[in-house]
Structure formats: C-alpha cells, structure tokens
Amino acid sequence: MSTSEVLKGKVALVTGGNSGIGFGAAKSLAEAGAFVYITGRKKQQLDSALEKLGVNARAIQADVTSKSQMDEVAAIIKSEKGSLDIVFANAGGGSPIPLQDVTEDYFDKTFNVNVKGVVFTMQSVLPILNDGSSVILNASITAYMGLPGFGMYAASKAAVRSFARSWTTDLKDRRIRVNALSPGVVPTEGYRTEQGMTEEQVNDYVAAATKEIPVGRVGSPEDMGNAVVFLASEASSFISGIELTVDGGQTMVYAGKS
C-alpha cells in the first residue's frame, strides 16, 4: 500500500485545522487518503485552508470552547459521513506572561482553549467515533521545560498529556487509542498573531533554538503532520497512551549552548 493510501476510506477531524500545525496535519491526513474535516473560528482562514486542501476536505466554522458548537460539528459529520475514525484535537494557543502579570482573563482564556476545548471536542465526537479509532491530542514540550513566562501554557499542556493516559483506559473497551503529540519548535503564524513577535524576532528565535536541536533545524507543520498520520494509521496500532515528542531531539538530548 502506498503512502497515499494508508488512511484510504478513513474520516478525520482536525480542530484548529485552518493554520499552523493543524493545517499541516490536515494536509498530511488528506494526502494519506483520509477525508478531513477542519474547524476554526475564522471563516476567511478556513476558506483559504480549504482551497489548499482540495476536494478531500470540508471546513466547519466552530469554537472548541463551545460545547454546543462542537456538538453541531459532530452532527454535521454524522449526517455527511456517518462516523469518525481519526481525531486530532489540535486547537490551542498561548503567549508568555510572567507569573505576577497573570490575570483571571488570561488564565481562563488559556485553559478554556487548551483544556476545556479538548474535553468538549472529545465529548462531542465520542458518539460518532468508531471502535478502534485513533485520537491524537496536541500537547507541547513546554510542559517539561520550565520556560520563563510559560507557566500557565505549560500547565495546560501537561493536562492534555494527562488526558491521553486517562482516556486510554476510559476507552479501552472500545479499542480507541489515545496518544499525545508534543511538538518542539515549529514556527507558525501563531508566533506573530498570538505571541506578538516580529519577523526579525522570529528569525532570531529560530536561530537560537536551532543551536539546541540535535538534528540541526526547527520543525515544520509537515513534520507534525507526518507524526499525526503515523499515530492515526495501523502502523501504530499497538501504541496507546504515549506522548510522542517530535522536537528533533531537543528535550531528550540537549545539544547545549556555547
């Protein structure tokens, strides 16, 4: 079976699939033969992503922090395709802020999208998930790194990692595999739109980060997409409850600074 057929006949959902890692995953899943639903809050970005993904995809405007909107996403998928085989709960975000500056609004925003959004997504799609499906949760290497200013974001992603363990046992009777994907440094639109970095700041950060990554480069959305396809496919059928760290070796083998 060719790479383009490993997910032939499968139906996938990627939340936050209109840009960044989510789009990279949606593109890889579609190229592997799956029909891919993507969600996002911004219609213009969804339309642009859908144009690039082609006929093997469908975009639904929805906010993962709204249970009713995610229920509607599940209802649309059920009416059009009957069921789901793959979920990549990717939607999330956050920006660095020192502990003393954390506000109630910032805390709620971070945990709503990164934690509540993942829970609501799963609750909504559970009834249409086929037995033996694959669920991938987007976590982050920041949960282990203790980066300054990322305390709230890191804690929210640590919760996501914990979900992969707990839900693996919750859903074992249905043979639904749940794994976490922890991306490393992957420069995306979010560096500018969410973290407020300039192009120059992004370039400087990438240059500095590359020195700490043993493979000698930062990651790309396509790298994450390849990992998602692996976790979604039969090639990983004996893998469940893990965290797959895709960071070029940065957190496991510290390349070091001079």
C-alpha atoms as a PDB file:
ATOM      1  CA  MET A   1       0.000   0.000   0.000  1.00  0.00           C
ATOM      2  CA  SER A   2       1.392   3.407  -0.972  1.00  0.00           C
ATOM      3  CA  THR A   3       1.688   6.311   1.441  1.00  0.00           C
ATOM      4  CA  SER A   4      -1.278   7.974  -0.259  1.00  0.00           C
ATOM      5  CA  GLU A   5      -3.494   5.030   0.684  1.00  0.00           C
ATOM      6  CA  VAL A   6      -2.598   4.317   4.311  1.00  0.00           C
ATOM      7  CA  LEU A   7      -5.734   6.127   5.506  1.00  0.00           C
ATOM      8  CA  LYS A   8      -7.927   5.491   2.484  1.00  0.00           C
ATOM      9  CA  GLY A   9     -11.603   5.412   3.452  1.00  0.00           C
ATOM     10  CA  LYS A  10     -10.989   6.991   6.863  1.00  0.00           C
ATOM     11  CA  VAL A  11     -12.714  10.137   8.128  1.00  0.00           C
ATOM     12  CA  ALA A  12     -10.715  12.583  10.231  1.00  0.00           C
ATOM     13  CA  LEU A  13     -11.380  15.717  12.262  1.00  0.00           C
ATOM     14  CA  VAL A  14      -8.699  18.327  12.922  1.00  0.00           C
ATOM     15  CA  THR A  15      -9.636  21.173  15.242  1.00  0.00           C
ATOM     16  CA  GLY A  16      -7.795  24.383  14.535  1.00  0.00           C
ATOM     17  CA  GLY A  17      -7.030  22.971  11.108  1.00  0.00           C
ATOM     18  CA  ASN A  18      -7.065  26.301   9.317  1.00  0.00           C
ATOM     19  CA  SER A  19      -3.427  27.192  10.025  1.00  0.00           C
ATOM     20  CA  GLY A  20      -0.110  26.145  11.538  1.00  0.00           C
ATOM     21  CA  ILE A  21       0.321  22.629  12.860  1.00  0.00           C
ATOM     22  CA  GLY A  22      -3.373  21.902  12.396  1.00  0.00           C
ATOM     23  CA  PHE A  23      -3.239  22.716   8.713  1.00  0.00           C
ATOM     24  CA  GLY A  24      -0.054  20.705   8.313  1.00  0.00           C
ATOM     25  CA  ALA A  25      -1.791  17.720   9.883  1.00  0.00           C
ATOM     26  CA  ALA A  26      -4.935  18.149   7.792  1.00  0.00           C
ATOM     27  CA  LYS A  27      -2.847  18.290   4.622  1.00  0.00           C
ATOM     28  CA  SER A  28      -0.894  15.155   5.553  1.00  0.00           C
ATOM     29  CA  LEU A  29      -4.050  13.252   6.511  1.00  0.00           C
ATOM     30  CA  ALA A  30      -5.735  14.166   3.224  1.00  0.00           C
ATOM     31  CA  GLU A  31      -2.634  13.174   1.251  1.00  0.00           C
ATOM     32  CA  ALA A  32      -2.715   9.817   3.070  1.00  0.00           C
ATOM     33  CA  GLY A  33      -6.214   9.209   1.759  1.00  0.00           C
ATOM     34  CA  ALA A  34      -8.468  10.369   4.603  1.00  0.00           C
ATOM     35  CA  PHE A  35     -11.405  12.720   4.190  1.00  0.00           C
ATOM     36  CA  VAL A  36     -10.635  15.570   6.567  1.00  0.00           C
ATOM     37  CA  TYR A  37     -12.927  17.938   8.424  1.00  0.00           C
ATOM     38  CA  ILE A  38     -11.227  21.041   9.777  1.00  0.00           C
ATOM     39  CA  THR A  39     -12.602  23.523  12.280  1.00  0.00           C
ATOM     40  CA  GLY A  40     -11.583  27.033  13.208  1.00  0.00           C
ATOM     41  CA  ARG A  41     -13.057  30.282  14.435  1.00  0.00           C
ATOM     42  CA  LYS A  42     -12.153  32.488  11.446  1.00  0.00           C
ATOM     43  CA  LYS A  43     -14.078  31.898   8.240  1.00  0.00           C
ATOM     44  CA  GLN A  44     -11.550  33.625   5.978  1.00  0.00           C
ATOM     45  CA  GLN A  45      -8.731  31.394   7.219  1.00  0.00           C
ATOM     46  CA  LEU A  46     -10.942  28.325   6.898  1.00  0.00           C
ATOM     47  CA  ASP A  47     -11.836  29.186   3.314  1.00  0.00           C
ATOM     48  CA  SER A  48      -8.177  29.736   2.437  1.00  0.00           C
ATOM     49  CA  ALA A  49      -7.147  26.435   4.038  1.00  0.00           C
ATOM     50  CA  LEU A  50      -9.934  24.540   2.316  1.00  0.00           C
ATOM     51  CA  GLU A  51      -8.887  25.905  -1.061  1.00  0.00           C
ATOM     52  CA  LYS A  52      -5.408  24.458  -0.484  1.00  0.00           C
ATOM     53  CA  LEU A  53      -6.679  21.130   0.844  1.00  0.00           C
ATOM     54  CA  GLY A  54      -8.976  20.445  -2.091  1.00  0.00           C
ATOM     55  CA  VAL A  55     -11.928  18.124  -2.516  1.00  0.00           C
ATOM     56  CA  ASN A  56     -10.842  15.682   0.179  1.00  0.00           C
ATOM     57  CA  ALA A  57     -11.709  18.153   2.923  1.00  0.00           C
ATOM     58  CA  ARG A  58     -14.555  20.153   4.456  1.00  0.00           C
ATOM     59  CA  ALA A  59     -14.359  23.211   6.720  1.00  0.00           C
ATOM     60  CA  ILE A  60     -16.742  23.947   9.584  1.00  0.00           C
ATOM     61  CA  GLN A  61     -16.595  27.231  11.472  1.00  0.00           C
ATOM     62  CA  ALA A  62     -16.663  26.442  15.193  1.00  0.00           C
ATOM     63  CA  ASP A  63     -15.090  27.385  18.524  1.00  0.00           C
ATOM     64  CA  VAL A  64     -13.790  24.399  20.515  1.00  0.00           C
ATOM     65  CA  THR A  65     -14.584  26.151  23.801  1.00  0.00           C
ATOM     66  CA  SER A  66     -18.299  25.980  22.946  1.00  0.00           C
ATOM     67  CA  LYS A  67     -19.864  22.585  23.646  1.00  0.00           C
ATOM     68  CA  SER A  68     -22.921  23.433  21.543  1.00  0.00           C
ATOM     69  CA  GLN A  69     -20.784  24.367  18.539  1.00  0.00           C
ATOM     70  CA  MET A  70     -18.735  21.185  18.811  1.00  0.00           C
ATOM     71  CA  ASP A  71     -21.950  19.173  19.115  1.00  0.00           C
ATOM     72  CA  GLU A  72     -23.027  20.777  15.839  1.00  0.00           C
ATOM     73  CA  VAL A  73     -19.701  19.795  14.241  1.00  0.00           C
ATOM     74  CA  ALA A  74     -20.305  16.186  15.299  1.00  0.00           C
ATOM     75  CA  ALA A  75     -23.868  16.328  13.962  1.00  0.00           C
ATOM     76  CA  ILE A  76     -22.670  17.575  10.564  1.00  0.00           C
ATOM     77  CA  ILE A  77     -20.039  14.842  10.329  1.00  0.00           C
ATOM     78  CA  LYS A  78     -22.598  12.197  11.298  1.00  0.00           C
ATOM     79  CA  SER A  79     -25.077  13.411   8.698  1.00  0.00           C
ATOM     80  CA  GLU A  80     -22.477  13.517   5.926  1.00  0.00           C
ATOM     81  CA  LYS A  81     -20.134  10.622   6.723  1.00  0.00           C
ATOM     82  CA  GLY A  82     -21.839   8.608   9.453  1.00  0.00           C
ATOM     83  CA  SER A  83     -18.848   8.311  11.772  1.00  0.00           C
ATOM     84  CA  LEU A  84     -15.261   9.299  12.542  1.00  0.00           C
ATOM     85  CA  ASP A  85     -12.034   7.278  12.567  1.00  0.00           C
ATOM     86  CA  ILE A  86      -9.432   9.900  13.493  1.00  0.00           C
ATOM     87  CA  VAL A  87      -9.432  12.953  15.737  1.00  0.00           C
ATOM     88  CA  PHE A  88      -6.565  15.409  16.074  1.00  0.00           C
ATOM     89  CA  ALA A  89      -7.542  17.726  18.932  1.00  0.00           C
ATOM     90  CA  ASN A  90      -5.137  20.437  17.925  1.00  0.00           C
ATOM     91  CA  ALA A  91      -6.814  23.774  18.599  1.00  0.00           C
ATOM     92  CA  GLY A  92      -4.982  25.734  21.260  1.00  0.00           C
ATOM     93  CA  GLY A  93      -2.635  28.572  21.910  1.00  0.00           C
ATOM     94  CA  GLY A  94      -0.991  30.839  24.394  1.00  0.00           C
ATOM     95  CA  SER A  95       1.562  33.577  24.856  1.00  0.00           C
ATOM     96  CA  PRO A  96       4.267  34.048  27.500  1.00  0.00           C
ATOM     97  CA  ILE A  97       3.481  36.154  30.537  1.00  0.00           C
ATOM     98  CA  PRO A  98       5.271  36.399  33.913  1.00  0.00           C
ATOM     99  CA  LEU A  99       3.504  34.901  36.917  1.00  0.00           C
ATOM    100  CA  GLN A 100       2.979  38.300  38.553  1.00  0.00           C
ATOM    101  CA  ASP A 101       1.169  39.565  35.460  1.00  0.00           C
ATOM    102  CA  VAL A 102      -1.250  36.632  35.029  1.00  0.00           C
ATOM    103  CA  THR A 103      -4.818  37.903  35.079  1.00  0.00           C
ATOM    104  CA  GLU A 104      -8.033  35.993  35.568  1.00  0.00           C
ATOM    105  CA  ASP A 105      -8.916  36.642  31.939  1.00  0.00           C
ATOM    106  CA  TYR A 106      -5.555  35.340  30.702  1.00  0.00           C
ATOM    107  CA  PHE A 107      -5.832  32.214  32.860  1.00  0.00           C
ATOM    108  CA  ASP A 108      -9.378  31.489  31.687  1.00  0.00           C
ATOM    109  CA  LYS A 109      -8.521  32.075  28.028  1.00  0.00           C
ATOM    110  CA  THR A 110      -5.512  29.750  28.169  1.00  0.00           C
ATOM    111  CA  PHE A 111      -7.245  26.897  29.969  1.00  0.00           C
ATOM    112  CA  ASN A 112     -10.504  27.296  28.060  1.00  0.00           C
ATOM    113  CA  VAL A 113      -8.966  26.698  24.659  1.00  0.00           C
ATOM    114  CA  ASN A 114      -6.176  24.297  25.651  1.00  0.00           C
ATOM    115  CA  VAL A 115      -8.007  22.165  28.217  1.00  0.00           C
ATOM    116  CA  LYS A 116     -11.756  22.712  28.109  1.00  0.00           C
ATOM    117  CA  GLY A 117     -11.677  22.762  24.316  1.00  0.00           C
ATOM    118  CA  VAL A 118     -10.031  19.333  24.209  1.00  0.00           C
ATOM    119  CA  VAL A 119     -12.539  17.897  26.685  1.00  0.00           C
ATOM    120  CA  PHE A 120     -15.552  19.297  24.847  1.00  0.00           C
ATOM    121  CA  THR A 121     -14.225  18.135  21.496  1.00  0.00           C
ATOM    122  CA  MET A 122     -13.896  14.601  22.819  1.00  0.00           C
ATOM    123  CA  GLN A 123     -17.306  14.637  24.498  1.00  0.00           C
ATOM    124  CA  SER A 124     -18.949  15.801  21.293  1.00  0.00           C
ATOM    125  CA  VAL A 125     -17.333  13.264  18.965  1.00  0.00           C
ATOM    126  CA  LEU A 126     -17.395  10.199  21.228  1.00  0.00           C
ATOM    127  CA  PRO A 127     -20.837   9.071  19.996  1.00  0.00           C
ATOM    128  CA  ILE A 128     -19.669   9.073  16.368  1.00  0.00           C
ATOM    129  CA  LEU A 129     -16.179   7.649  16.914  1.00  0.00           C
ATOM    130  CA  ASN A 130     -15.838   4.148  15.519  1.00  0.00           C
ATOM    131  CA  ASP A 131     -14.479   1.421  17.766  1.00  0.00           C
ATOM    132  CA  GLY A 132     -10.766   1.121  17.116  1.00  0.00           C
ATOM    133  CA  SER A 133     -10.406   4.802  16.244  1.00  0.00           C
ATOM    134  CA  SER A 134      -7.288   6.878  16.852  1.00  0.00           C
ATOM    135  CA  VAL A 135      -7.325  10.078  18.899  1.00  0.00           C
ATOM    136  CA  ILE A 136      -4.311  12.397  18.959  1.00  0.00           C
ATOM    137  CA  LEU A 137      -4.093  15.272  21.442  1.00  0.00           C
ATOM    138  CA  ASN A 138      -1.761  18.185  20.758  1.00  0.00           C
ATOM    139  CA  ALA A 139       0.398  18.758  23.833  1.00  0.00           C
ATOM    140  CA  SER A 140       3.777  20.539  23.981  1.00  0.00           C
ATOM    141  CA  ILE A 141       7.370  20.104  25.094  1.00  0.00           C
ATOM    142  CA  THR A 142       6.896  23.255  27.199  1.00  0.00           C
ATOM    143  CA  ALA A 143       5.184  21.086  29.817  1.00  0.00           C
ATOM    144  CA  TYR A 144       8.656  19.812  30.805  1.00  0.00           C
ATOM    145  CA  MET A 145      10.982  22.691  30.058  1.00  0.00           C
ATOM    146  CA  GLY A 146      10.189  25.273  32.719  1.00  0.00           C
ATOM    147  CA  LEU A 147      10.447  28.130  30.251  1.00  0.00           C
ATOM    148  CA  PRO A 148      10.068  31.583  31.816  1.00  0.00           C
ATOM    149  CA  GLY A 149       6.639  33.101  31.281  1.00  0.00           C
ATOM    150  CA  PHE A 150       5.085  29.885  30.017  1.00  0.00           C
ATOM    151  CA  GLY A 151       3.798  28.571  33.362  1.00  0.00           C
ATOM    152  CA  MET A 152       0.092  28.720  32.512  1.00  0.00           C
ATOM    153  CA  TYR A 153       0.539  27.427  28.961  1.00  0.00           C
ATOM    154  CA  ALA A 154       2.809  24.609  30.122  1.00  0.00           C
ATOM    155  CA  ALA A 155       0.366  23.588  32.851  1.00  0.00           C
ATOM    156  CA  SER A 156      -2.499  23.488  30.371  1.00  0.00           C
ATOM    157  CA  LYS A 157      -0.480  21.246  28.052  1.00  0.00           C
ATOM    158  CA  ALA A 158       0.508  18.994  30.962  1.00  0.00           C
ATOM    159  CA  ALA A 159      -3.216  18.467  31.494  1.00  0.00           C
ATOM    160  CA  VAL A 160      -3.577  17.441  27.860  1.00  0.00           C
ATOM    161  CA  ARG A 161      -0.768  14.919  28.283  1.00  0.00           C
ATOM    162  CA  SER A 162      -2.577  13.511  31.317  1.00  0.00           C
ATOM    163  CA  PHE A 163      -5.790  13.113  29.306  1.00  0.00           C
ATOM    164  CA  ALA A 164      -4.012  10.734  26.919  1.00  0.00           C
ATOM    165  CA  ARG A 165      -3.247   8.391  29.797  1.00  0.00           C
ATOM    166  CA  SER A 166      -6.653   8.576  31.449  1.00  0.00           C
ATOM    167  CA  TRP A 167      -8.712   8.340  28.282  1.00  0.00           C
ATOM    168  CA  THR A 168      -6.696   5.363  27.066  1.00  0.00           C
ATOM    169  CA  THR A 169      -8.159   3.382  29.961  1.00  0.00           C
ATOM    170  CA  ASP A 170     -11.567   5.078  29.817  1.00  0.00           C
ATOM    171  CA  LEU A 171     -11.972   3.978  26.193  1.00  0.00           C
ATOM    172  CA  LYS A 172     -10.151   0.659  26.192  1.00  0.00           C
ATOM    173  CA  ASP A 173     -13.383  -1.358  25.858  1.00  0.00           C
ATOM    174  CA  ARG A 174     -13.944   0.362  22.522  1.00  0.00           C
ATOM    175  CA  ARG A 175     -10.290  -0.128  21.493  1.00  0.00           C
ATOM    176  CA  ILE A 176      -9.962   3.625  20.907  1.00  0.00           C
ATOM    177  CA  ARG A 177      -6.302   4.602  21.071  1.00  0.00           C
ATOM    178  CA  VAL A 178      -5.440   7.966  22.606  1.00  0.00           C
ATOM    179  CA  ASN A 179      -1.970   9.435  22.249  1.00  0.00           C
ATOM    180  CA  ALA A 180      -0.403  12.841  22.793  1.00  0.00           C
ATOM    181  CA  LEU A 181       1.779  14.615  20.265  1.00  0.00           C
ATOM    182  CA  SER A 182       4.276  17.077  21.744  1.00  0.00           C
ATOM    183  CA  PRO A 183       5.747  19.354  19.077  1.00  0.00           C
ATOM    184  CA  GLY A 184       9.052  21.085  19.565  1.00  0.00           C
ATOM    185  CA  VAL A 185       9.951  24.415  17.998  1.00  0.00           C
ATOM    186  CA  VAL A 186       7.651  24.807  14.997  1.00  0.00           C
ATOM    187  CA  PRO A 187       7.468  28.400  13.762  1.00  0.00           C
ATOM    188  CA  THR A 188       3.914  29.117  12.615  1.00  0.00           C
ATOM    189  CA  GLU A 189       1.629  32.108  12.169  1.00  0.00           C
ATOM    190  CA  GLY A 190       0.914  31.967  15.903  1.00  0.00           C
ATOM    191  CA  TYR A 191       4.371  33.296  16.724  1.00  0.00           C
ATOM    192  CA  ARG A 192       3.237  36.613  15.248  1.00  0.00           C
ATOM    193  CA  THR A 193      -0.513  36.601  15.829  1.00  0.00           C
ATOM    194  CA  GLU A 194      -0.580  35.223  19.376  1.00  0.00           C
ATOM    195  CA  GLN A 195       2.858  35.925  20.775  1.00  0.00           C
ATOM    196  CA  GLY A 196       3.242  39.269  19.040  1.00  0.00           C
ATOM    197  CA  MET A 197       6.684  38.560  17.629  1.00  0.00           C
ATOM    198  CA  THR A 198       8.057  40.500  14.680  1.00  0.00           C
ATOM    199  CA  GLU A 199       9.564  38.708  11.700  1.00  0.00           C
ATOM    200  CA  GLU A 200      13.020  39.651  12.963  1.00  0.00           C
ATOM    201  CA  GLN A 201      12.259  38.284  16.428  1.00  0.00           C
ATOM    202  CA  VAL A 202      11.016  35.019  14.929  1.00  0.00           C
ATOM    203  CA  ASN A 203      14.179  34.666  12.875  1.00  0.00           C
ATOM    204  CA  ASP A 204      16.385  35.390  15.907  1.00  0.00           C
ATOM    205  CA  TYR A 205      14.488  32.862  17.996  1.00  0.00           C
ATOM    206  CA  VAL A 206      14.743  30.190  15.308  1.00  0.00           C
ATOM    207  CA  ALA A 207      18.494  30.772  15.026  1.00  0.00           C
ATOM    208  CA  ALA A 208      18.963  30.459  18.783  1.00  0.00           C
ATOM    209  CA  ALA A 209      16.692  27.417  19.094  1.00  0.00           C
ATOM    210  CA  THR A 210      18.418  25.599  16.245  1.00  0.00           C
ATOM    211  CA  LYS A 211      21.626  25.504  18.294  1.00  0.00           C
ATOM    212  CA  GLU A 212      19.784  23.388  20.895  1.00  0.00           C
ATOM    213  CA  ILE A 213      18.257  20.915  18.431  1.00  0.00           C
ATOM    214  CA  PRO A 214      20.465  17.912  17.584  1.00  0.00           C
ATOM    215  CA  VAL A 215      19.038  17.420  14.083  1.00  0.00           C
ATOM    216  CA  GLY A 216      20.134  20.964  13.263  1.00  0.00           C
ATOM    217  CA  ARG A 217      16.846  22.583  12.325  1.00  0.00           C
ATOM    218  CA  VAL A 218      13.471  23.606  13.697  1.00  0.00           C
ATOM    219  CA  GLY A 219      10.349  21.656  12.869  1.00  0.00           C
ATOM    220  CA  SER A 220       7.651  22.316  10.302  1.00  0.00           C
ATOM    221  CA  PRO A 221       3.885  21.745  10.218  1.00  0.00           C
ATOM    222  CA  GLU A 222       4.608  18.961   7.728  1.00  0.00           C
ATOM    223  CA  ASP A 223       6.829  17.216  10.294  1.00  0.00           C
ATOM    224  CA  MET A 224       3.927  17.250  12.740  1.00  0.00           C
ATOM    225  CA  GLY A 225       1.564  16.094  10.023  1.00  0.00           C
ATOM    226  CA  ASN A 226       3.737  13.061   9.332  1.00  0.00           C
ATOM    227  CA  ALA A 227       3.643  12.167  13.027  1.00  0.00           C
ATOM    228  CA  VAL A 228      -0.142  12.550  13.121  1.00  0.00           C
ATOM    229  CA  VAL A 229      -0.522  10.240  10.119  1.00  0.00           C
ATOM    230  CA  PHE A 230       1.658   7.658  11.858  1.00  0.00           C
ATOM    231  CA  LEU A 231      -0.403   7.793  15.068  1.00  0.00           C
ATOM    232  CA  ALA A 232      -3.612   7.632  13.035  1.00  0.00           C
ATOM    233  CA  SER A 233      -2.555   4.649  10.951  1.00  0.00           C
ATOM    234  CA  GLU A 234      -2.358   0.916  11.503  1.00  0.00           C
ATOM    235  CA  ALA A 235       1.417   1.274  11.744  1.00  0.00           C
ATOM    236  CA  SER A 236       0.867   2.467  15.326  1.00  0.00           C
ATOM    237  CA  SER A 237      -1.914   0.013  16.215  1.00  0.00           C
ATOM    238  CA  PHE A 238      -0.007  -1.254  19.292  1.00  0.00           C
ATOM    239  CA  ILE A 239       0.684   2.260  20.583  1.00  0.00           C
ATOM    240  CA  SER A 240      -1.664   3.930  23.055  1.00  0.00           C
ATOM    241  CA  GLY A 241      -1.369   6.305  25.989  1.00  0.00           C
ATOM    242  CA  ILE A 242       2.042   7.618  24.950  1.00  0.00           C
ATOM    243  CA  GLU A 243       3.456  11.051  24.337  1.00  0.00           C
ATOM    244  CA  LEU A 244       5.237  11.203  21.007  1.00  0.00           C
ATOM    245  CA  THR A 245       7.771  14.021  21.266  1.00  0.00           C
ATOM    246  CA  VAL A 246       8.589  15.440  17.839  1.00  0.00           C
ATOM    247  CA  ASP A 247      11.268  18.020  18.530  1.00  0.00           C
ATOM    248  CA  GLY A 248      14.429  16.944  16.745  1.00  0.00           C
ATOM    249  CA  GLY A 249      15.823  15.616  19.998  1.00  0.00           C
ATOM    250  CA  GLN A 250      15.762  18.943  21.819  1.00  0.00           C
ATOM    251  CA  THR A 251      14.258  17.818  25.105  1.00  0.00           C
ATOM    252  CA  MET A 252      15.743  14.317  25.219  1.00  0.00           C
ATOM    253  CA  VAL A 253      19.288  15.166  24.172  1.00  0.00           C
ATOM    254  CA  TYR A 254      20.278  18.708  24.964  1.00  0.00           C
ATOM    255  CA  ALA A 255      22.654  19.920  22.284  1.00  0.00           C
ATOM    256  CA  GLY A 256      23.806  22.756  24.525  1.00  0.00           C
ATOM    257  CA  LYS A 257      24.798  26.349  24.124  1.00  0.00           C
ATOM    258  CA  SER A 258      28.327  27.576  23.774  1.00  0.00           C
END
